[in-house]
Amino acid sequence: MLPLQTLREDVDRIAEALAKRGLDARPMLDEILELDERRRSLQLQLDNTLAEANRLSKEIGNLFKTGKAAEAQALKDESARLKETSKTLGESLNEAAEALQQALYQVPNTPHESVPAGKDATANQEVHRSGDHPQLGAGALPHWELAKKYDLIDFELGVKITGAGFPVYKGKGARLQRALISYFLDRNTAAGYQEVQVPHLVNEASGYGTGQLPDKEGQMYEVGEDRLYLIPTAEVPVTNLFRDVILDRAELPLKYTAYTPCFRREAGSYGAHVRGLNRLHQFDKVEIVRVEQPEGSYQALDEMVAHVQSLLEALRLPYRILRLCGGDMGFTSALTYDFEVWSAAQERWLEVSSVSNFEAFQANRLKLRYRDALNKTQLAHTLNGSALALPRILAGILEDYQDETGIQIPEVLVPYTGFSRIGGGD
């Protein structure tokens, strides 16, 4: 959430920055400023009314002490009227404050100056590419056919149990999935990220804190009676560890990693591009999250990007990095880099990670602050990234590592899987 003071002081710059998202934000921002003006006017009226009521209360007491009961009674009637007025003003103030808060929730983060303008993925910028595209034989199969051939993943059984987008991993498919999770967690902890296990359901306050609510409410699975939500990413519970927290400067930076299943409704997703593991409603992901002082957050972002690169380099998967344009970035992000691996059998890029700096946007919602060198409280910066999302990584490995007789396992995963091949004399 953008700080209200910043909106008051710099609304033109914010409107211009939000235009990078293809958004004409000026009407929305003007409405917020009007709501803020109304809230402040009501607050002033209420303060003045309460002050007058307090003054009358003291005067009434003095009049009774001096035997002027009739005059005191007249003022008591006026005091009663002021109390009714203050009650009405208080209710109006609460309504105005709530309307202002809800309006602020609707404003996305302002893009960083390096973010290209654009409305969709066609305006994203490729900033790095690594690895050669594997040259597969004529009989190469997409991962969903490989999963069926080697009995690794049963998509139909998942449909029977739950519905489409909830696969069942079997045998070596399940072991390879577990190997990837363990490998990513080990690499993350070796890089200084503390591992945590967090709840897979969150309350509304957590959803609002990281920006999933109200923006992505329709994309999350809700446990209606309890008003809880299945998490779309570990970012939500991990970042909310620090909701309503004031940190000491010496505690920063904070670096955390977590494995969780993730749940997304993905409403409206259909077509060939969502086959197999390409688009799921439940999938596994290992996340990294950082809390930083503002002056260090973009160096931290560079470090996170380099770390994700190192994971893909170790897996020897061809990949590219995109700097997302304003219109393709998430609601809460100031700058996002997407990582995509090349699917040789599908001949297309598959997104496997997003690494983002949210600057103070989430921290303002979370009331996540730290004490600076002058012992003043400041909003921290939050960052997160996938390190990595498993479904498309697994798809990339199955497709890019296949040969005529089976599937080779990336060397770095063999100590975790206990096998080096699937098929072909495994």
Protein backbone atom coordinates (compact mmCIF):
# COMPACT_ATOMS: atom_id res chain seq x y z
CA MET A 1 0.00 0.00 0.00
CA LEU A 2 1.35 3.40 -0.95
CA PRO A 3 1.91 5.73 2.02
CA LEU A 4 -0.84 8.34 2.22
CA GLN A 5 1.64 11.12 2.94
CA THR A 6 3.50 10.25 -0.27
CA LEU A 7 0.25 10.44 -2.23
CA ARG A 8 -0.51 13.87 -0.80
CA GLU A 9 2.94 15.23 -1.62
CA ASP A 10 3.72 13.53 -4.93
CA VAL A 11 0.49 12.54 -6.65
CA ASP A 12 1.64 13.66 -10.12
CA ARG A 13 4.76 11.48 -10.02
CA ILE A 14 2.76 8.50 -8.76
CA ALA A 15 0.16 8.88 -11.52
CA GLU A 16 2.93 9.07 -14.10
CA ALA A 17 4.67 5.97 -12.68
CA LEU A 18 1.43 3.96 -12.63
CA ALA A 19 0.93 4.81 -16.31
CA LYS A 20 3.73 2.25 -16.94
CA ARG A 21 1.18 -0.37 -15.93
CA GLY A 22 -1.18 0.88 -18.63
CA LEU A 23 -3.30 2.38 -15.87
CA ASP A 24 -4.93 5.82 -15.84
CA ALA A 25 -4.68 6.16 -12.07
CA ARG A 26 -5.43 9.86 -11.72
CA PRO A 27 -9.20 9.48 -11.05
CA MET A 28 -8.46 6.84 -8.42
CA LEU A 29 -5.78 8.97 -6.77
CA ASP A 30 -7.99 12.09 -6.80
CA GLU A 31 -10.77 10.12 -5.11
CA ILE A 32 -8.32 9.03 -2.40
CA LEU A 33 -7.24 12.61 -1.79
CA GLU A 34 -10.89 13.68 -1.54
CA LEU A 35 -11.60 10.87 0.94
CA ASP A 36 -8.52 11.88 2.90
CA GLU A 37 -9.67 15.49 3.00
CA ARG A 38 -13.10 14.43 4.25
CA ARG A 39 -11.56 12.18 6.90
CA ARG A 40 -9.28 14.96 8.12
CA SER A 41 -12.18 17.46 8.17
CA LEU A 42 -14.30 15.07 10.22
CA GLN A 43 -11.38 14.42 12.56
CA LEU A 44 -10.94 18.17 13.12
CA GLN A 45 -14.67 18.63 13.78
CA LEU A 46 -14.66 15.74 16.22
CA ASP A 47 -11.56 17.02 18.02
CA ASN A 48 -13.10 20.50 18.35
CA THR A 49 -16.41 19.08 19.58
CA LEU A 50 -14.70 16.90 22.18
CA ALA A 51 -12.57 19.83 23.32
CA GLU A 52 -15.67 22.00 23.73
CA ALA A 53 -17.42 19.21 25.63
CA ASN A 54 -14.43 18.90 27.99
CA ARG A 55 -14.41 22.66 28.52
CA LEU A 56 -18.12 22.65 29.38
CA SER A 57 -17.68 19.74 31.76
CA LYS A 58 -15.12 21.71 33.78
CA GLU A 59 -17.29 24.84 33.74
CA ILE A 60 -20.34 22.86 34.90
CA GLY A 61 -18.36 21.54 37.85
CA ASN A 62 -17.28 25.04 38.84
CA LEU A 63 -20.84 26.38 38.60
CA PHE A 64 -22.19 23.66 40.88
CA LYS A 65 -19.41 24.37 43.38
CA THR A 66 -20.38 28.06 43.49
CA GLY A 67 -24.11 27.33 43.87
CA LYS A 68 -25.14 28.34 40.36
CA ALA A 69 -27.22 25.25 39.70
CA ALA A 70 -29.53 26.82 37.10
CA GLU A 71 -26.63 27.98 34.94
CA ALA A 72 -24.96 24.59 35.37
CA GLN A 73 -28.10 22.79 34.22
CA ALA A 74 -28.30 24.92 31.07
CA LEU A 75 -24.72 23.97 30.22
CA LYS A 76 -25.47 20.30 30.92
CA ASP A 77 -28.11 20.41 28.20
CA GLU A 78 -25.54 21.87 25.80
CA SER A 79 -23.01 19.23 26.88
CA ALA A 80 -25.53 16.47 26.12
CA ARG A 81 -26.04 17.92 22.64
CA LEU A 82 -22.27 17.95 22.05
CA LYS A 83 -22.02 14.31 23.10
CA GLU A 84 -24.63 13.35 20.51
CA THR A 85 -22.81 15.42 17.91
CA SER A 86 -19.49 13.76 18.75
CA LYS A 87 -21.10 10.30 18.48
CA THR A 88 -22.44 11.12 15.01
CA LEU A 89 -19.09 12.59 13.95
CA GLY A 90 -17.27 9.54 15.28
CA GLU A 91 -19.44 7.19 13.23
CA SER A 92 -18.95 9.32 10.11
CA LEU A 93 -15.20 9.43 10.75
CA ASN A 94 -15.01 5.63 11.02
CA GLU A 95 -16.94 5.26 7.77
CA ALA A 96 -14.67 7.77 6.01
CA ALA A 97 -11.53 6.10 7.35
CA GLU A 98 -12.73 2.67 6.18
CA ALA A 99 -13.62 4.03 2.73
CA LEU A 100 -10.18 5.62 2.50
CA GLN A 101 -8.46 2.39 3.54
CA GLN A 102 -10.38 0.34 0.97
CA ALA A 103 -9.54 2.89 -1.75
CA LEU A 104 -5.85 2.73 -0.84
CA TYR A 105 -5.97 -1.08 -1.11
CA GLN A 106 -6.99 -0.72 -4.77
CA VAL A 107 -3.84 1.19 -5.82
CA PRO A 108 -0.99 -1.01 -7.11
CA ASN A 109 2.65 -0.39 -6.34
CA THR A 110 4.51 2.19 -8.41
CA PRO A 111 7.01 0.59 -10.80
CA HIS A 112 10.73 1.16 -10.36
CA GLU A 113 12.29 3.57 -12.87
CA SER A 114 13.93 0.66 -14.73
CA VAL A 115 10.59 -1.05 -15.43
CA PRO A 116 9.58 -0.76 -19.10
CA ALA A 117 6.13 0.59 -19.89
CA GLY A 118 3.69 -1.87 -21.41
CA LYS A 119 0.31 -3.52 -21.02
CA ASP A 120 1.24 -7.20 -21.38
CA ALA A 121 4.04 -9.75 -21.75
CA THR A 122 4.90 -8.58 -25.27
CA ALA A 123 6.64 -5.54 -23.71
CA ASN A 124 8.83 -7.58 -21.32
CA GLN A 125 12.59 -7.23 -21.80
CA GLU A 126 14.94 -10.20 -22.04
CA VAL A 127 18.02 -9.32 -19.99
CA HIS A 128 19.90 -12.63 -19.97
CA ARG A 129 19.92 -16.01 -21.70
CA SER A 130 22.00 -19.09 -20.89
CA GLY A 131 22.36 -22.60 -22.31
CA ASP A 132 21.71 -24.18 -25.67
CA HIS A 133 18.34 -25.63 -26.60
CA PRO A 134 18.56 -29.44 -26.52
CA GLN A 135 18.18 -31.11 -29.89
CA LEU A 136 15.75 -33.96 -29.35
CA GLY A 137 15.10 -36.85 -31.66
CA ALA A 138 12.02 -37.33 -33.78
CA GLY A 139 10.36 -39.47 -31.12
CA ALA A 140 10.70 -36.94 -28.30
CA LEU A 141 7.65 -36.65 -26.06
CA PRO A 142 6.14 -33.83 -23.99
CA HIS A 143 6.36 -34.37 -20.24
CA TRP A 144 2.76 -35.53 -19.81
CA GLU A 145 3.44 -38.39 -22.24
CA LEU A 146 6.74 -39.19 -20.52
CA ALA A 147 4.99 -39.20 -17.14
CA LYS A 148 2.49 -41.73 -18.45
CA LYS A 149 5.07 -43.87 -20.24
CA TYR A 150 7.28 -44.24 -17.13
CA ASP A 151 4.41 -44.15 -14.60
CA LEU A 152 5.72 -41.00 -12.88
CA ILE A 153 2.60 -38.84 -12.62
CA ASP A 154 -1.06 -39.83 -12.86
CA PHE A 155 -3.14 -36.85 -13.95
CA GLU A 156 -6.37 -38.88 -14.34
CA LEU A 157 -6.14 -40.26 -10.82
CA GLY A 158 -5.84 -36.70 -9.52
CA VAL A 159 -9.02 -35.81 -11.40
CA LYS A 160 -10.78 -38.74 -9.71
CA ILE A 161 -9.67 -37.69 -6.23
CA THR A 162 -10.07 -33.90 -6.55
CA GLY A 163 -10.32 -32.53 -10.08
CA ALA A 164 -8.16 -31.29 -12.93
CA GLY A 165 -4.92 -29.63 -11.85
CA PHE A 166 -4.26 -31.90 -8.85
CA PRO A 167 -1.78 -34.56 -10.08
CA VAL A 168 -0.66 -37.68 -8.22
CA TYR A 169 3.12 -38.24 -8.26
CA LYS A 170 4.17 -41.88 -8.18
CA GLY A 171 7.33 -43.91 -7.69
CA LYS A 172 10.35 -42.21 -9.20
CA GLY A 173 8.22 -39.21 -10.07
CA ALA A 174 7.47 -38.67 -6.37
CA ARG A 175 11.12 -39.24 -5.43
CA LEU A 176 12.32 -36.78 -8.06
CA GLN A 177 9.83 -34.23 -6.76
CA ARG A 178 11.07 -34.73 -3.18
CA ALA A 179 14.69 -34.56 -4.38
CA LEU A 180 14.11 -31.16 -5.98
CA ILE A 181 12.51 -29.81 -2.80
CA SER A 182 15.40 -31.03 -0.64
CA TYR A 183 18.03 -29.81 -3.08
CA PHE A 184 16.55 -26.31 -3.30
CA LEU A 185 16.18 -26.03 0.48
CA ASP A 186 19.76 -27.18 1.01
CA ARG A 187 21.09 -24.68 -1.52
CA ASN A 188 19.01 -21.89 0.02
CA THR A 189 20.12 -22.60 3.58
CA ALA A 190 23.74 -22.81 2.41
CA ALA A 191 23.24 -19.29 0.99
CA GLY A 192 22.20 -17.99 4.41
CA TYR A 193 18.42 -18.38 4.29
CA GLN A 194 16.88 -19.75 7.49
CA GLU A 195 14.44 -22.56 6.83
CA VAL A 196 10.97 -22.28 8.35
CA GLN A 197 7.85 -24.42 8.21
CA VAL A 198 4.72 -22.29 8.07
CA PRO A 199 0.94 -22.82 7.99
CA HIS A 200 -0.68 -23.61 4.67
CA LEU A 201 -3.77 -21.57 5.52
CA VAL A 202 -3.82 -17.88 6.38
CA ASN A 203 -6.38 -15.45 7.76
CA GLU A 204 -7.71 -12.32 6.07
CA ALA A 205 -5.21 -10.05 7.84
CA SER A 206 -2.34 -12.04 6.32
CA GLY A 207 -3.90 -11.87 2.86
CA TYR A 208 -4.28 -8.10 3.11
CA GLY A 209 -0.78 -7.76 4.54
CA THR A 210 1.01 -9.13 1.49
CA GLY A 211 -1.49 -7.87 -1.08
CA GLN A 212 -3.34 -11.03 -2.08
CA LEU A 213 -6.50 -9.41 -0.73
CA PRO A 214 -8.46 -7.77 -2.13
CA ASP A 215 -6.60 -8.02 -5.47
CA LYS A 216 -6.46 -11.82 -5.87
CA GLU A 217 -9.42 -12.90 -3.76
CA GLY A 218 -10.98 -14.79 -6.66
CA GLN A 219 -7.77 -16.72 -7.29
CA MET A 220 -7.49 -18.16 -3.77
CA TYR A 221 -9.31 -21.13 -2.29
CA GLU A 222 -11.34 -20.00 0.71
CA VAL A 223 -12.41 -22.03 3.72
CA GLY A 224 -15.63 -20.07 4.03
CA GLU A 225 -16.86 -20.85 7.53
CA ASP A 226 -13.50 -19.97 9.10
CA ARG A 227 -12.60 -17.14 6.69
CA LEU A 228 -9.23 -18.77 6.03
CA TYR A 229 -7.44 -19.07 2.68
CA LEU A 230 -5.20 -21.78 1.25
CA ILE A 231 -1.89 -20.10 0.49
CA PRO A 232 -1.04 -19.26 -3.15
CA THR A 233 2.67 -19.08 -2.20
CA ALA A 234 4.87 -19.37 0.89
CA GLU A 235 5.54 -15.64 0.55
CA VAL A 236 2.24 -14.97 2.33
CA PRO A 237 2.80 -16.78 5.66
CA VAL A 238 6.57 -16.16 5.74
CA THR A 239 6.31 -12.39 5.20
CA ASN A 240 3.46 -12.23 7.72
CA LEU A 241 5.81 -13.53 10.39
CA PHE A 242 6.76 -9.85 10.68
CA ARG A 243 3.32 -8.24 10.58
CA ASP A 244 3.00 -5.54 13.29
CA VAL A 245 6.68 -5.95 14.19
CA ILE A 246 9.31 -3.27 14.85
CA LEU A 247 12.79 -4.66 14.18
CA ASP A 248 16.13 -3.37 15.36
CA ARG A 249 18.41 -2.16 12.59
CA ALA A 250 21.01 -4.73 13.61
CA GLU A 251 18.56 -7.56 12.87
CA LEU A 252 18.47 -6.72 9.16
CA PRO A 253 18.71 -8.24 6.69
CA LEU A 254 16.42 -11.19 7.44
CA LYS A 255 16.55 -14.13 5.02
CA TYR A 256 14.08 -17.02 5.10
CA THR A 257 13.28 -20.02 2.94
CA ALA A 258 10.29 -22.35 3.07
CA TYR A 259 8.82 -25.25 1.16
CA THR A 260 5.03 -25.36 0.88
CA PRO A 261 2.37 -26.69 -1.41
CA CYS A 262 0.66 -23.80 -3.17
CA PHE A 263 -2.99 -23.54 -4.16
CA ARG A 264 -4.38 -21.36 -6.95
CA ARG A 265 -7.78 -21.50 -8.60
CA GLU A 266 -6.35 -20.20 -11.89
CA ALA A 267 -9.87 -19.32 -13.02
CA GLY A 268 -10.23 -19.13 -16.78
CA SER A 269 -7.10 -21.20 -17.53
CA TYR A 270 -7.62 -23.58 -20.42
CA GLY A 271 -6.07 -24.67 -23.70
CA ALA A 272 -3.03 -26.62 -24.84
CA HIS A 273 -0.61 -24.37 -22.97
CA VAL A 274 -1.97 -25.60 -19.61
CA ARG A 275 -1.57 -29.32 -20.25
CA GLY A 276 0.25 -31.55 -17.81
CA LEU A 277 2.37 -29.67 -15.30
CA ASN A 278 2.18 -26.36 -17.16
CA ARG A 279 -0.67 -24.99 -15.03
CA LEU A 280 -1.86 -26.62 -11.80
CA HIS A 281 -4.22 -25.80 -8.96
CA GLN A 282 -1.92 -27.46 -6.41
CA PHE A 283 1.84 -27.43 -6.84
CA ASP A 284 5.03 -27.46 -4.76
CA LYS A 285 7.37 -24.51 -4.48
CA VAL A 286 10.40 -23.47 -2.47
CA GLU A 287 10.44 -19.76 -1.68
CA ILE A 288 13.02 -17.25 -0.49
CA VAL A 289 11.98 -14.08 1.36
CA ARG A 290 14.05 -11.14 2.54
CA VAL A 291 13.42 -8.12 4.77
CA GLU A 292 15.88 -5.30 4.12
CA GLN A 293 16.69 -1.70 4.90
CA PRO A 294 15.58 0.45 1.94
CA GLU A 295 19.10 1.38 0.89
CA GLY A 296 20.08 -2.29 0.53
CA SER A 297 17.00 -3.76 -1.10
CA TYR A 298 18.09 -3.53 -4.75
CA GLN A 299 21.45 -5.09 -4.01
CA ALA A 300 19.47 -7.83 -2.25
CA LEU A 301 17.33 -8.24 -5.37
CA ASP A 302 20.46 -8.68 -7.48
CA GLU A 303 21.73 -11.31 -5.03
CA MET A 304 18.43 -13.19 -5.20
CA VAL A 305 18.49 -13.15 -9.00
CA ALA A 306 22.06 -14.48 -8.98
CA HIS A 307 21.06 -17.22 -6.53
CA VAL A 308 18.17 -18.42 -8.72
CA GLN A 309 20.53 -18.35 -11.70
CA SER A 310 22.94 -20.61 -9.84
CA LEU A 311 20.19 -23.17 -9.24
CA LEU A 312 19.29 -23.32 -12.92
CA GLU A 313 22.95 -23.44 -13.93
CA ALA A 314 23.47 -26.40 -11.58
CA LEU A 315 20.50 -28.21 -13.12
CA ARG A 316 21.93 -27.41 -16.56
CA LEU A 317 18.62 -26.24 -17.91
CA PRO A 318 18.57 -23.58 -20.63
CA TYR A 319 16.90 -20.47 -19.27
CA ARG A 320 16.33 -16.80 -19.81
CA ILE A 321 15.60 -13.84 -17.52
CA LEU A 322 12.95 -11.24 -18.30
CA ARG A 323 12.47 -7.82 -16.74
CA LEU A 324 8.69 -7.53 -16.62
CA CYS A 325 6.94 -4.48 -18.01
CA GLY A 326 4.54 -2.49 -15.86
CA GLY A 327 1.42 -4.19 -17.18
CA ASP A 328 2.74 -7.72 -16.61
CA MET A 329 4.03 -7.17 -13.06
CA GLY A 330 2.17 -8.28 -9.98
CA PHE A 331 0.00 -5.79 -8.10
CA THR A 332 2.46 -5.43 -5.21
CA SER A 333 5.76 -5.42 -7.10
CA ALA A 334 8.03 -2.48 -7.86
CA LEU A 335 10.40 -4.57 -10.02
CA THR A 336 10.14 -8.22 -11.07
CA TYR A 337 12.45 -10.58 -12.92
CA ASP A 338 10.92 -13.76 -14.36
CA PHE A 339 12.97 -16.87 -15.05
CA GLU A 340 11.87 -19.21 -17.82
CA VAL A 341 13.29 -22.61 -18.81
CA TRP A 342 13.16 -23.96 -22.33
CA SER A 343 10.84 -26.91 -22.89
CA ALA A 344 12.46 -28.77 -25.76
CA ALA A 345 9.52 -31.08 -26.47
CA GLN A 346 6.94 -28.27 -26.38
CA GLU A 347 9.31 -25.76 -28.00
CA ARG A 348 8.27 -22.99 -25.65
CA TRP A 349 9.46 -21.15 -22.55
CA LEU A 350 8.05 -22.12 -19.16
CA GLU A 351 8.09 -19.71 -16.22
CA VAL A 352 9.77 -21.23 -13.15
CA SER A 353 10.48 -18.25 -10.92
CA SER A 354 9.57 -14.65 -10.22
CA VAL A 355 11.95 -12.57 -8.10
CA SER A 356 10.51 -9.26 -6.91
CA ASN A 357 11.27 -6.21 -4.81
CA PHE A 358 8.12 -4.77 -3.23
CA GLU A 359 10.01 -1.87 -1.63
CA ALA A 360 7.83 -0.56 1.26
CA PHE A 361 4.49 -1.50 -0.34
CA GLN A 362 3.91 -4.70 1.64
CA ALA A 363 5.62 -3.33 4.76
CA ASN A 364 3.16 -0.43 4.87
CA ARG A 365 0.25 -2.89 4.82
CA LEU A 366 1.98 -5.13 7.36
CA LYS A 367 3.12 -2.27 9.61
CA LEU A 368 6.57 -3.85 9.37
CA ARG A 369 9.11 -1.31 10.56
CA TYR A 370 12.65 -1.07 11.89
CA ARG A 371 14.53 1.42 14.03
CA ASP A 372 17.14 3.33 12.05
CA ALA A 373 20.46 4.74 13.24
CA LEU A 374 18.62 7.70 14.82
CA ASN A 375 16.24 5.30 16.60
CA LYS A 376 13.35 6.45 14.40
CA THR A 377 10.95 3.86 13.00
CA GLN A 378 11.01 3.40 9.23
CA LEU A 379 9.20 1.05 6.86
CA ALA A 380 11.34 -1.90 5.82
CA HIS A 381 11.54 -3.28 2.28
CA THR A 382 10.37 -6.83 1.48
CA LEU A 383 11.45 -9.12 -1.36
CA ASN A 384 10.63 -12.65 -2.42
CA GLY A 385 11.40 -15.16 -5.11
CA SER A 386 10.76 -18.73 -6.20
CA ALA A 387 13.80 -20.90 -5.66
CA LEU A 388 12.23 -22.74 -7.34
CA ALA A 389 8.68 -23.64 -8.47
CA LEU A 390 8.68 -27.37 -9.09
CA PRO A 391 6.06 -28.26 -11.70
CA ARG A 392 7.69 -26.60 -14.69
CA ILE A 393 11.20 -27.39 -13.45
CA LEU A 394 10.17 -31.04 -13.37
CA ALA A 395 8.60 -30.67 -16.82
CA GLY A 396 11.82 -29.14 -18.13
CA ILE A 397 13.96 -31.93 -16.70
CA LEU A 398 11.74 -34.70 -18.09
CA GLU A 399 11.65 -33.17 -21.55
CA ASP A 400 15.17 -31.77 -21.90
CA TYR A 401 16.94 -34.78 -20.36
CA GLN A 402 15.10 -37.45 -22.35
CA ASP A 403 16.87 -39.65 -24.87
CA GLU A 404 15.92 -42.69 -26.96
CA THR A 405 15.82 -45.06 -23.99
CA GLY A 406 14.79 -42.99 -20.98
CA ILE A 407 15.43 -39.86 -18.92
CA GLN A 408 18.76 -38.88 -17.40
CA ILE A 409 18.68 -37.31 -13.92
CA PRO A 410 20.68 -34.06 -13.45
CA GLU A 411 23.93 -34.92 -11.70
CA VAL A 412 23.31 -32.64 -8.70
CA LEU A 413 20.06 -34.47 -7.93
CA VAL A 414 21.40 -38.03 -7.98
CA PRO A 415 22.50 -37.95 -4.29
CA TYR A 416 18.91 -36.98 -3.46
CA THR A 417 17.07 -39.39 -5.78
CA GLY A 418 19.28 -42.43 -5.33
CA PHE A 419 19.02 -43.17 -9.06
CA SER A 420 20.57 -41.62 -12.15
CA ARG A 421 18.06 -42.63 -14.83
CA ILE A 422 14.42 -43.30 -15.41
CA GLY A 423 13.92 -46.06 -17.97
CA GLY A 424 16.58 -47.53 -20.21
CA GLY A 425 17.91 -50.11 -17.75
CA ASP A 426 17.30 -48.12 -14.58
